[in-house]
C-alpha atoms as a PDB file:
ATOM      1  CA  MET A   1       4.893  13.161  26.980  1.00  0.00           C
ATOM      2  CA  ILE A   2       5.904  14.166  30.437  1.00  0.00           C
ATOM      3  CA  VAL A   3       5.120  17.602  31.098  1.00  0.00           C
ATOM      4  CA  GLY A   4       6.731  19.981  33.660  1.00  0.00           C
ATOM      5  CA  ALA A   5      10.055  21.667  34.094  1.00  0.00           C
ATOM      6  CA  ARG A   6      11.844  18.658  35.488  1.00  0.00           C
ATOM      7  CA  PRO A   7      11.593  14.733  35.061  1.00  0.00           C
ATOM      8  CA  ARG A   8      10.932  12.941  38.222  1.00  0.00           C
ATOM      9  CA  PHE A   9      13.760  10.624  39.243  1.00  0.00           C
ATOM     10  CA  ARG A  10      10.877   8.015  40.071  1.00  0.00           C
ATOM     11  CA  GLN A  11      10.393   7.736  36.484  1.00  0.00           C
ATOM     12  CA  ILE A  12      13.938   7.300  35.342  1.00  0.00           C
ATOM     13  CA  ILE A  13      14.270   4.853  37.956  1.00  0.00           C
ATOM     14  CA  ILE A  14      11.285   2.840  36.593  1.00  0.00           C
ATOM     15  CA  GLU A  15      12.658   2.955  33.197  1.00  0.00           C
ATOM     16  CA  VAL A  16      16.193   1.596  34.416  1.00  0.00           C
ATOM     17  CA  TRP A  17      15.630  -0.419  37.535  1.00  0.00           C
ATOM     18  CA  LYS A  18      16.326  -3.858  35.747  1.00  0.00           C
ATOM     19  CA  PRO A  19      19.541  -3.424  34.325  1.00  0.00           C
ATOM     20  CA  LEU A  20      20.428  -1.012  37.033  1.00  0.00           C
ATOM     21  CA  THR A  21      20.109  -3.851  39.535  1.00  0.00           C
ATOM     22  CA  ILE A  22      22.376  -6.198  37.605  1.00  0.00           C
ATOM     23  CA  LEU A  23      24.918  -3.722  37.314  1.00  0.00           C
ATOM     24  CA  PHE A  24      24.734  -2.979  40.892  1.00  0.00           C
ATOM     25  CA  VAL A  25      24.810  -7.123  41.872  1.00  0.00           C
ATOM     26  CA  TRP A  26      27.728  -7.110  39.147  1.00  0.00           C
ATOM     27  CA  ASP A  27      29.680  -4.060  40.885  1.00  0.00           C
ATOM     28  CA  VAL A  28      29.380  -5.697  44.183  1.00  0.00           C
ATOM     29  CA  ALA A  29      30.755  -8.957  43.124  1.00  0.00           C
ATOM     30  CA  VAL A  30      33.659  -7.336  41.408  1.00  0.00           C
ATOM     31  CA  THR A  31      34.355  -5.273  44.513  1.00  0.00           C
ATOM     32  CA  ALA A  32      34.199  -8.484  46.516  1.00  0.00           C
ATOM     33  CA  PHE A  33      36.704 -10.437  43.957  1.00  0.00           C
ATOM     34  CA  HIS A  34      38.875  -7.226  44.660  1.00  0.00           C
ATOM     35  CA  MET A  35      38.848  -7.436  48.377  1.00  0.00           C
ATOM     36  CA  MET A  36      39.300 -11.135  48.975  1.00  0.00           C
ATOM     37  CA  THR A  37      41.716 -12.279  46.301  1.00  0.00           C
ATOM     38  CA  PRO A  38      45.267 -10.781  45.622  1.00  0.00           C
ATOM     39  CA  ILE A  39      44.870 -10.570  41.863  1.00  0.00           C
ATOM     40  CA  LYS A  40      44.982  -6.862  40.655  1.00  0.00           C
ATOM     41  CA  GLU A  41      42.697  -5.763  38.027  1.00  0.00           C
ATOM     42  CA  PRO A  42      44.331  -4.477  34.835  1.00  0.00           C
ATOM     43  CA  PRO A  43      44.189  -0.640  34.073  1.00  0.00           C
ATOM     44  CA  LEU A  44      41.331   0.071  31.378  1.00  0.00           C
ATOM     45  CA  PRO A  45      40.886   2.829  29.291  1.00  0.00           C
ATOM     46  CA  THR A  46      37.318   3.184  30.376  1.00  0.00           C
ATOM     47  CA  ALA A  47      37.455   7.382  30.001  1.00  0.00           C
ATOM     48  CA  LEU A  48      38.279   7.116  26.753  1.00  0.00           C
ATOM     49  CA  PHE A  49      35.508   4.415  25.970  1.00  0.00           C
ATOM     50  CA  GLY A  50      33.023   6.212  27.735  1.00  0.00           C
ATOM     51  CA  THR A  51      33.657   9.690  25.961  1.00  0.00           C
ATOM     52  CA  ALA A  52      33.186   7.636  22.621  1.00  0.00           C
ATOM     53  CA  ILE A  53      29.984   5.969  23.646  1.00  0.00           C
ATOM     54  CA  ALA A  54      28.922   9.181  24.960  1.00  0.00           C
ATOM     55  CA  LEU A  55      29.309  11.008  21.592  1.00  0.00           C
ATOM     56  CA  PHE A  56      27.662   7.844  19.920  1.00  0.00           C
ATOM     57  CA  MET A  57      24.527   8.034  22.064  1.00  0.00           C
ATOM     58  CA  GLY A  58      24.234  11.710  21.840  1.00  0.00           C
ATOM     59  CA  PHE A  59      24.218  11.093  17.813  1.00  0.00           C
ATOM     60  CA  ARG A  60      21.800   8.616  18.401  1.00  0.00           C
ATOM     61  CA  THR A  61      19.527  10.605  20.719  1.00  0.00           C
ATOM     62  CA  ASN A  62      19.431  13.450  18.365  1.00  0.00           C
ATOM     63  CA  ALA A  63      18.408  11.302  15.261  1.00  0.00           C
ATOM     64  CA  ALA A  64      15.627   9.970  17.606  1.00  0.00           C
ATOM     65  CA  TYR A  65      14.623  13.224  18.823  1.00  0.00           C
ATOM     66  CA  ALA A  66      14.231  14.681  15.357  1.00  0.00           C
ATOM     67  CA  ARG A  67      11.675  11.711  14.476  1.00  0.00           C
ATOM     68  CA  TRP A  68       9.861  12.815  17.674  1.00  0.00           C
ATOM     69  CA  TRP A  69       9.868  16.421  16.553  1.00  0.00           C
ATOM     70  CA  GLU A  70       8.898  15.742  13.253  1.00  0.00           C
ATOM     71  CA  ALA A  71       5.840  13.728  14.345  1.00  0.00           C
ATOM     72  CA  ARG A  72       4.931  16.379  16.537  1.00  0.00           C
ATOM     73  CA  THR A  73       5.066  19.017  13.811  1.00  0.00           C
ATOM     74  CA  LEU A  74       3.020  16.796  11.315  1.00  0.00           C
ATOM     75  CA  TRP A  75       0.078  16.454  14.290  1.00  0.00           C
ATOM     76  CA  GLY A  76       0.277  20.325  14.555  1.00  0.00           C
ATOM     77  CA  ALA A  77      -0.244  20.590  10.895  1.00  0.00           C
ATOM     78  CA  LEU A  78      -3.174  17.888  10.877  1.00  0.00           C
ATOM     79  CA  ILE A  79      -4.902  19.992  13.932  1.00  0.00           C
ATOM     80  CA  ASN A  80      -4.345  23.239  11.659  1.00  0.00           C
ATOM     81  CA  ALA A  81      -5.897  21.602   8.461  1.00  0.00           C
ATOM     82  CA  SER A  82      -8.756  20.201  10.697  1.00  0.00           C
ATOM     83  CA  ARG A  83      -9.811  23.837  12.134  1.00  0.00           C
ATOM     84  CA  SER A  84      -9.686  24.986   7.988  1.00  0.00           C
ATOM     85  CA  LEU A  85     -11.618  22.173   6.905  1.00  0.00           C
ATOM     86  CA  ALA A  86     -14.227  22.856   9.618  1.00  0.00           C
ATOM     87  CA  ARG A  87     -13.918  26.614   9.206  1.00  0.00           C
ATOM     88  CA  ILE A  88     -14.629  26.056   5.239  1.00  0.00           C
ATOM     89  CA  THR A  89     -17.283  23.455   5.867  1.00  0.00           C
ATOM     90  CA  ARG A  90     -19.390  26.001   7.953  1.00  0.00           C
ATOM     91  CA  SER A  91     -18.683  28.744   5.458  1.00  0.00           C
ATOM     92  CA  LEU A  92     -19.780  26.857   2.527  1.00  0.00           C
ATOM     93  CA  THR A  93     -22.735  25.494   4.331  1.00  0.00           C
ATOM     94  CA  LYS A  94     -23.686  29.026   6.233  1.00  0.00           C
ATOM     95  CA  GLY A  95     -26.889  29.139   3.901  1.00  0.00           C
ATOM     96  CA  GLU A  96     -28.320  25.807   5.276  1.00  0.00           C
ATOM     97  CA  PRO A  97     -29.795  25.065   8.770  1.00  0.00           C
ATOM     98  CA  GLU A  98     -27.835  25.199  11.763  1.00  0.00           C
ATOM     99  CA  GLY A  99     -27.953  21.362  12.344  1.00  0.00           C
ATOM    100  CA  SER A 100     -26.909  20.903   8.515  1.00  0.00           C
ATOM    101  CA  GLU A 101     -26.459  17.224   8.060  1.00  0.00           C
ATOM    102  CA  THR A 102     -23.641  17.912   5.477  1.00  0.00           C
ATOM    103  CA  ARG A 103     -22.024  20.169   7.814  1.00  0.00           C
ATOM    104  CA  HIS A 104     -22.215  17.634  10.888  1.00  0.00           C
ATOM    105  CA  ASN A 105     -21.128  14.722   8.555  1.00  0.00           C
ATOM    106  CA  ILE A 106     -17.901  16.225   7.285  1.00  0.00           C
ATOM    107  CA  ILE A 107     -17.202  17.514  10.688  1.00  0.00           C
ATOM    108  CA  LEU A 108     -17.691  14.541  12.348  1.00  0.00           C
ATOM    109  CA  ARG A 109     -15.849  12.249   9.935  1.00  0.00           C
ATOM    110  CA  GLN A 110     -12.955  14.619  10.355  1.00  0.00           C
ATOM    111  CA  ILE A 111     -13.035  14.254  14.150  1.00  0.00           C
ATOM    112  CA  ALA A 112     -13.102  10.331  13.572  1.00  0.00           C
ATOM    113  CA  PHE A 113     -10.088  10.644  10.856  1.00  0.00           C
ATOM    114  CA  ALA A 114      -8.071  12.080  13.712  1.00  0.00           C
ATOM    115  CA  HIS A 115      -8.846   9.487  16.347  1.00  0.00           C
ATOM    116  CA  SER A 116      -8.359   6.719  13.925  1.00  0.00           C
ATOM    117  CA  MET A 117      -5.019   8.010  12.993  1.00  0.00           C
ATOM    118  CA  ARG A 118      -4.490   7.849  16.462  1.00  0.00           C
ATOM    119  CA  CYS A 119      -5.342   4.511  16.790  1.00  0.00           C
ATOM    120  CA  GLN A 120      -3.417   3.294  13.696  1.00  0.00           C
ATOM    121  CA  LEU A 121      -0.415   4.827  14.703  1.00  0.00           C
ATOM    122  CA  ARG A 122      -0.629   3.107  18.313  1.00  0.00           C
ATOM    123  CA  ARG A 123      -1.551   0.012  16.635  1.00  0.00           C
ATOM    124  CA  GLN A 124      -5.024   0.039  18.259  1.00  0.00           C
ATOM    125  CA  SER A 125      -8.473  -0.765  16.701  1.00  0.00           C
ATOM    126  CA  PRO A 126     -10.261   2.664  15.773  1.00  0.00           C
ATOM    127  CA  TYR A 127     -13.951   1.188  15.752  1.00  0.00           C
ATOM    128  CA  GLU A 128     -14.925   2.348  19.092  1.00  0.00           C
ATOM    129  CA  ASP A 129     -14.157   5.661  18.304  1.00  0.00           C
ATOM    130  CA  ILE A 130     -15.328   5.981  14.973  1.00  0.00           C
ATOM    131  CA  ALA A 131     -18.582   4.538  15.935  1.00  0.00           C
ATOM    132  CA  ARG A 132     -18.658   7.028  19.046  1.00  0.00           C
ATOM    133  CA  ILE A 133     -18.455  10.223  16.906  1.00  0.00           C
ATOM    134  CA  ALA A 134     -19.920   9.207  13.430  1.00  0.00           C
ATOM    135  CA  GLY A 135     -21.910   6.418  14.080  1.00  0.00           C
ATOM    136  CA  THR A 136     -21.511   2.533  13.255  1.00  0.00           C
ATOM    137  CA  ASP A 137     -22.416   2.645   9.772  1.00  0.00           C
ATOM    138  CA  VAL A 138     -19.339   4.969   9.276  1.00  0.00           C
ATOM    139  CA  ALA A 139     -17.065   2.575  11.500  1.00  0.00           C
ATOM    140  CA  ASP A 140     -18.348  -0.398   9.729  1.00  0.00           C
ATOM    141  CA  MET A 141     -17.151   1.152   6.318  1.00  0.00           C
ATOM    142  CA  ALA A 142     -14.146   2.391   7.770  1.00  0.00           C
ATOM    143  CA  VAL A 143     -12.848  -0.902   9.503  1.00  0.00           C
ATOM    144  CA  ALA A 144     -13.658  -2.684   6.437  1.00  0.00           C
ATOM    145  CA  ARG A 145     -10.880  -1.111   4.538  1.00  0.00           C
ATOM    146  CA  LEU A 146      -7.042  -1.836   5.465  1.00  0.00           C
ATOM    147  CA  ASN A 147      -6.407   1.737   6.165  1.00  0.00           C
ATOM    148  CA  PRO A 148      -9.613   3.454   8.062  1.00  0.00           C
ATOM    149  CA  ALA A 149      -8.381   6.771   8.147  1.00  0.00           C
ATOM    150  CA  ASN A 150      -7.858   7.216   4.438  1.00  0.00           C
ATOM    151  CA  ALA A 151     -11.300   5.480   4.182  1.00  0.00           C
ATOM    152  CA  LEU A 152     -12.684   8.601   6.115  1.00  0.00           C
ATOM    153  CA  LEU A 153     -10.762  10.840   4.164  1.00  0.00           C
ATOM    154  CA  GLU A 154     -12.112   9.595   1.098  1.00  0.00           C
ATOM    155  CA  ASP A 155     -15.532  10.040   2.612  1.00  0.00           C
ATOM    156  CA  ILE A 156     -15.260  13.479   3.438  1.00  0.00           C
ATOM    157  CA  SER A 157     -14.033  14.139  -0.238  1.00  0.00           C
ATOM    158  CA  GLY A 158     -17.284  12.362  -1.253  1.00  0.00           C
ATOM    159  CA  ASN A 159     -19.628  14.292   0.714  1.00  0.00           C
ATOM    160  CA  TYR A 160     -18.201  17.337  -1.084  1.00  0.00           C
ATOM    161  CA  ALA A 161     -18.631  15.507  -4.566  1.00  0.00           C
ATOM    162  CA  ASP A 162     -22.060  15.233  -3.575  1.00  0.00           C
ATOM    163  CA  ALA A 163     -22.524  18.719  -2.923  1.00  0.00           C
ATOM    164  CA  LEU A 164     -20.964  19.909  -6.190  1.00  0.00           C
ATOM    165  CA  ALA A 165     -23.199  17.315  -8.227  1.00  0.00           C
ATOM    166  CA  GLU A 166     -26.011  19.041  -6.340  1.00  0.00           C
ATOM    167  CA  GLY A 167     -24.986  22.419  -7.294  1.00  0.00           C
ATOM    168  CA  ARG A 168     -24.588  23.330  -3.524  1.00  0.00           C
ATOM    169  CA  ILE A 169     -21.222  24.435  -4.036  1.00  0.00           C
ATOM    170  CA  THR A 170     -19.058  25.408  -7.132  1.00  0.00           C
ATOM    171  CA  GLU A 171     -16.145  23.992  -8.615  1.00  0.00           C
ATOM    172  CA  ILE A 172     -13.777  26.401  -7.064  1.00  0.00           C
ATOM    173  CA  GLN A 173     -15.128  25.797  -3.683  1.00  0.00           C
ATOM    174  CA  GLN A 174     -14.494  22.195  -4.449  1.00  0.00           C
ATOM    175  CA  ALA A 175     -11.015  22.853  -5.187  1.00  0.00           C
ATOM    176  CA  THR A 176     -10.432  24.793  -2.125  1.00  0.00           C
ATOM    177  CA  VAL A 177     -11.495  22.157  -0.038  1.00  0.00           C
ATOM    178  CA  GLU A 178      -9.708  19.411  -1.840  1.00  0.00           C
ATOM    179  CA  ARG A 179      -6.405  21.460  -1.223  1.00  0.00           C
ATOM    180  CA  VAL A 180      -6.963  21.262   2.485  1.00  0.00           C
ATOM    181  CA  LEU A 181      -7.744  17.408   2.162  1.00  0.00           C
ATOM    182  CA  ILE A 182      -4.570  17.152   0.503  1.00  0.00           C
ATOM    183  CA  ASP A 183      -2.542  18.703   3.376  1.00  0.00           C
ATOM    184  CA  ILE A 184      -4.278  16.465   5.826  1.00  0.00           C
ATOM    185  CA  ALA A 185      -3.393  13.329   3.670  1.00  0.00           C
ATOM    186  CA  ASN A 186       0.363  14.485   3.371  1.00  0.00           C
ATOM    187  CA  ALA A 187       0.437  14.885   7.012  1.00  0.00           C
ATOM    188  CA  GLN A 188      -1.249  11.385   7.334  1.00  0.00           C
ATOM    189  CA  GLY A 189       1.481   9.988   4.957  1.00  0.00           C
ATOM    190  CA  GLY A 190       4.349  11.669   7.195  1.00  0.00           C
ATOM    191  CA  MET A 191       3.207   9.976  10.230  1.00  0.00           C
ATOM    192  CA  GLU A 192       2.912   6.545   8.542  1.00  0.00           C
ATOM    193  CA  ARG A 193       6.471   7.081   7.121  1.00  0.00           C
ATOM    194  CA  ILE A 194       7.513   7.735  10.725  1.00  0.00           C
ATOM    195  CA  LYS A 195       5.694   4.790  12.062  1.00  0.00           C
ATOM    196  CA  ASN A 196       6.615   2.223   9.246  1.00  0.00           C
ATOM    197  CA  THR A 197      10.343   3.233   9.124  1.00  0.00           C
ATOM    198  CA  PRO A 198      12.320   2.711  12.010  1.00  0.00           C
ATOM    199  CA  LEU A 199      16.020   3.919  12.687  1.00  0.00           C
ATOM    200  CA  PRO A 200      18.482   1.768  11.124  1.00  0.00           C
ATOM    201  CA  ASN A 201      19.203  -1.142  13.185  1.00  0.00           C
ATOM    202  CA  GLY A 202      22.751  -0.153  13.886  1.00  0.00           C
ATOM    203  CA  PHE A 203      21.424   2.843  15.483  1.00  0.00           C
ATOM    204  CA  ARG A 204      19.581   0.694  18.143  1.00  0.00           C
ATOM    205  CA  PHE A 205      22.081  -2.513  18.093  1.00  0.00           C
ATOM    206  CA  PHE A 206      25.196  -0.918  18.772  1.00  0.00           C
ATOM    207  CA  PRO A 207      24.552   2.046  21.581  1.00  0.00           C
ATOM    208  CA  ASN A 208      22.855  -0.843  23.799  1.00  0.00           C
ATOM    209  CA  LEU A 209      26.101  -3.103  23.322  1.00  0.00           C
ATOM    210  CA  PHE A 210      28.669  -0.498  23.669  1.00  0.00           C
ATOM    211  CA  THR A 211      26.700   0.668  26.911  1.00  0.00           C
ATOM    212  CA  ARG A 212      26.417  -2.764  28.221  1.00  0.00           C
ATOM    213  CA  VAL A 213      30.148  -3.606  27.866  1.00  0.00           C
ATOM    214  CA  PHE A 214      31.107  -0.406  29.212  1.00  0.00           C
ATOM    215  CA  CYS A 215      29.069  -0.859  32.480  1.00  0.00           C
ATOM    216  CA  VAL A 216      30.734  -4.262  32.584  1.00  0.00           C
ATOM    217  CA  LEU A 217      34.063  -2.677  32.638  1.00  0.00           C
ATOM    218  CA  LEU A 218      33.434   0.077  34.769  1.00  0.00           C
ATOM    219  CA  PRO A 219      33.911  -1.294  37.964  1.00  0.00           C
ATOM    220  CA  ILE A 220      37.093  -3.093  37.116  1.00  0.00           C
ATOM    221  CA  ALA A 221      38.863   0.208  36.216  1.00  0.00           C
ATOM    222  CA  LEU A 222      37.277   1.916  39.665  1.00  0.00           C
ATOM    223  CA  VAL A 223      37.636  -0.820  42.015  1.00  0.00           C
ATOM    224  CA  GLU A 224      41.365  -0.016  42.578  1.00  0.00           C
ATOM    225  CA  SER A 225      40.417   3.562  43.517  1.00  0.00           C
ATOM    226  CA  LEU A 226      37.262   3.596  45.094  1.00  0.00           C
ATOM    227  CA  GLY A 227      37.574   0.423  46.953  1.00  0.00           C
ATOM    228  CA  LEU A 228      34.293  -0.419  48.866  1.00  0.00           C
ATOM    229  CA  ALA A 229      32.661   2.887  47.509  1.00  0.00           C
ATOM    230  CA  THR A 230      32.732   1.184  43.887  1.00  0.00           C
ATOM    231  CA  PRO A 231      29.192  -0.162  43.796  1.00  0.00           C
ATOM    232  CA  ILE A 232      27.861   3.213  44.434  1.00  0.00           C
ATOM    233  CA  GLY A 233      30.140   4.867  42.044  1.00  0.00           C
ATOM    234  CA  SER A 234      29.964   2.621  39.417  1.00  0.00           C
ATOM    235  CA  THR A 235      25.976   2.432  39.708  1.00  0.00           C
ATOM    236  CA  LEU A 236      25.594   6.145  39.448  1.00  0.00           C
ATOM    237  CA  ILE A 237      27.625   6.359  36.433  1.00  0.00           C
ATOM    238  CA  GLY A 238      26.128   3.679  34.941  1.00  0.00           C
ATOM    239  CA  LEU A 239      22.569   5.224  35.958  1.00  0.00           C
ATOM    240  CA  VAL A 240      23.576   8.271  33.530  1.00  0.00           C
ATOM    241  CA  PHE A 241      24.383   6.121  30.496  1.00  0.00           C
ATOM    242  CA  LEU A 242      21.189   3.916  30.913  1.00  0.00           C
ATOM    243  CA  ALA A 243      18.652   6.659  31.146  1.00  0.00           C
ATOM    244  CA  VAL A 244      20.399   8.517  28.228  1.00  0.00           C
ATOM    245  CA  LEU A 245      20.204   4.918  26.088  1.00  0.00           C
ATOM    246  CA  SER A 246      16.588   4.605  27.454  1.00  0.00           C
ATOM    247  CA  ILE A 247      15.244   8.010  26.543  1.00  0.00           C
ATOM    248  CA  GLY A 248      16.870   7.614  22.978  1.00  0.00           C
ATOM    249  CA  GLU A 249      14.905   3.977  22.442  1.00  0.00           C
ATOM    250  CA  ASP A 250      11.885   5.622  23.739  1.00  0.00           C
ATOM    251  CA  LEU A 251      12.121   8.649  21.103  1.00  0.00           C
ATOM    252  CA  THR A 252      12.875   6.139  18.099  1.00  0.00           C
ATOM    253  CA  ASP A 253       9.107   5.371  18.125  1.00  0.00           C
ATOM    254  CA  PRO A 254       7.078   8.675  18.861  1.00  0.00           C
ATOM    255  CA  PHE A 255       3.804   6.963  18.566  1.00  0.00           C
ATOM    256  CA  VAL A 256       4.540   3.865  20.581  1.00  0.00           C
ATOM    257  CA  ASN A 257       2.076   5.066  23.407  1.00  0.00           C
ATOM    258  CA  SER A 258       4.844   5.627  26.184  1.00  0.00           C
ATOM    259  CA  VAL A 259       5.322   8.381  28.746  1.00  0.00           C
ATOM    260  CA  HIS A 260       7.849   9.809  26.267  1.00  0.00           C
ATOM    261  CA  ASP A 261       5.580   9.739  22.807  1.00  0.00           C
ATOM    262  CA  VAL A 262       3.690  12.577  21.123  1.00  0.00           C
ATOM    263  CA  PRO A 263       0.656  13.082  23.383  1.00  0.00           C
ATOM    264  CA  LEU A 264      -1.869  11.958  20.468  1.00  0.00           C
ATOM    265  CA  THR A 265      -4.868  11.602  22.947  1.00  0.00           C
ATOM    266  CA  ALA A 266      -4.493  15.058  24.110  1.00  0.00           C
ATOM    267  CA  MET A 267      -4.381  16.363  20.472  1.00  0.00           C
ATOM    268  CA  CYS A 268      -7.022  14.531  19.320  1.00  0.00           C
ATOM    269  CA  ARG A 269      -9.077  15.739  22.277  1.00  0.00           C
ATOM    270  CA  THR A 270      -8.040  19.220  20.968  1.00  0.00           C
ATOM    271  CA  ILE A 271      -9.072  18.787  17.399  1.00  0.00           C
ATOM    272  CA  GLU A 272     -12.587  17.261  18.894  1.00  0.00           C
ATOM    273  CA  ILE A 273     -13.377  20.372  20.915  1.00  0.00           C
ATOM    274  CA  ASP A 274     -12.428  22.561  18.303  1.00  0.00           C
ATOM    275  CA  LEU A 275     -14.717  21.213  15.448  1.00  0.00           C
ATOM    276  CA  LEU A 276     -17.279  20.388  17.657  1.00  0.00           C
ATOM    277  CA  GLN A 277     -17.474  24.021  18.736  1.00  0.00           C
ATOM    278  CA  THR A 278     -17.472  25.010  15.251  1.00  0.00           C
ATOM    279  CA  ALA A 279     -20.272  22.763  14.230  1.00  0.00           C
ATOM    280  CA  GLY A 280     -22.333  23.965  17.400  1.00  0.00           C
ATOM    281  CA  LEU A 281     -21.884  21.212  19.129  1.00  0.00           C
ATOM    282  CA  PRO A 282     -21.499  20.097  22.747  1.00  0.00           C
ATOM    283  CA  ALA A 283     -17.802  19.594  23.407  1.00  0.00           C
ATOM    284  CA  PRO A 284     -15.632  17.819  25.883  1.00  0.00           C
ATOM    285  CA  GLU A 285     -13.192  19.476  28.290  1.00  0.00           C
ATOM    286  CA  PRO A 286      -9.492  19.251  27.196  1.00  0.00           C
ATOM    287  CA  LEU A 287      -7.555  16.604  28.721  1.00  0.00           C
ATOM    288  CA  THR A 288      -5.063  17.258  31.670  1.00  0.00           C
ATOM    289  CA  PRO A 289      -1.725  15.467  32.850  1.00  0.00           C
ATOM    290  CA  ASP A 290      -2.192  12.196  34.536  1.00  0.00           C
ATOM    291  CA  HIS A 291       0.525  12.337  37.353  1.00  0.00           C
ATOM    292  CA  GLY A 292       2.652  14.655  35.155  1.00  0.00           C
ATOM    293  CA  VAL A 293       2.108  12.712  31.837  1.00  0.00           C
ATOM    294  CA  LEU A 294       0.125  13.880  29.114  1.00  0.00           C
ATOM    295  CA  TRP A 295      -1.221  11.217  26.798  1.00  0.00           C
END
């Protein structure tokens, strides 16, 4: 996620330089053809066409941003539920030693769950993160399943089931924990729904098609009035449309690990810090932006 009051112009150019270069070459070619031949270009309703495209792209960008914001909301719910789980775990194991194995097992598995969700949403292997936090045995158990995060959640529930069977907690206390685990599972399901359900193809295909057609027609419509300045004017207008198109495309998948996505790594670090401190264990430092981007 790009942080700061204003996006950097360099980042915008990086995202659209390829189609922008092609557009500039086309603008130069149209301008040269106009200057070197007596053929006059036909008038084109580019203003009307551009307005229609802008409305369509605005609608698509709003739909994409709604997905991005829902993803951020779900991760906020996961952070809160993780804190609640750690707080309840500490409360229910208050009579046990500070280095309680039950407390540490549950809290470390919840941290591993958050990292596993991050890796699954970004189509990465979660084994190393799970092994670093909860041990290789837990990592082997989790990655043996198709959904490692769900396996970790089941393991947390199993730890509380064992505590109930041994008489260390009551049924009411277990029910309280299960409600928190249900909130975590609901957040997980919402994230998986966003990741596995893309925007309808028309929302992605037609804005790309219409924007490129508009950029092709634009210099033809402007060359009569702008003359030699056509490549500059047409390219600047095209930059606006291409930038909006690129941003909308990035927002459609908020977990794709790009500069526009939800900062999953930073939020996992937040969960890790809060839960480790709750367990009385050493915690790492919060993540800071890297060249204006929080990952």
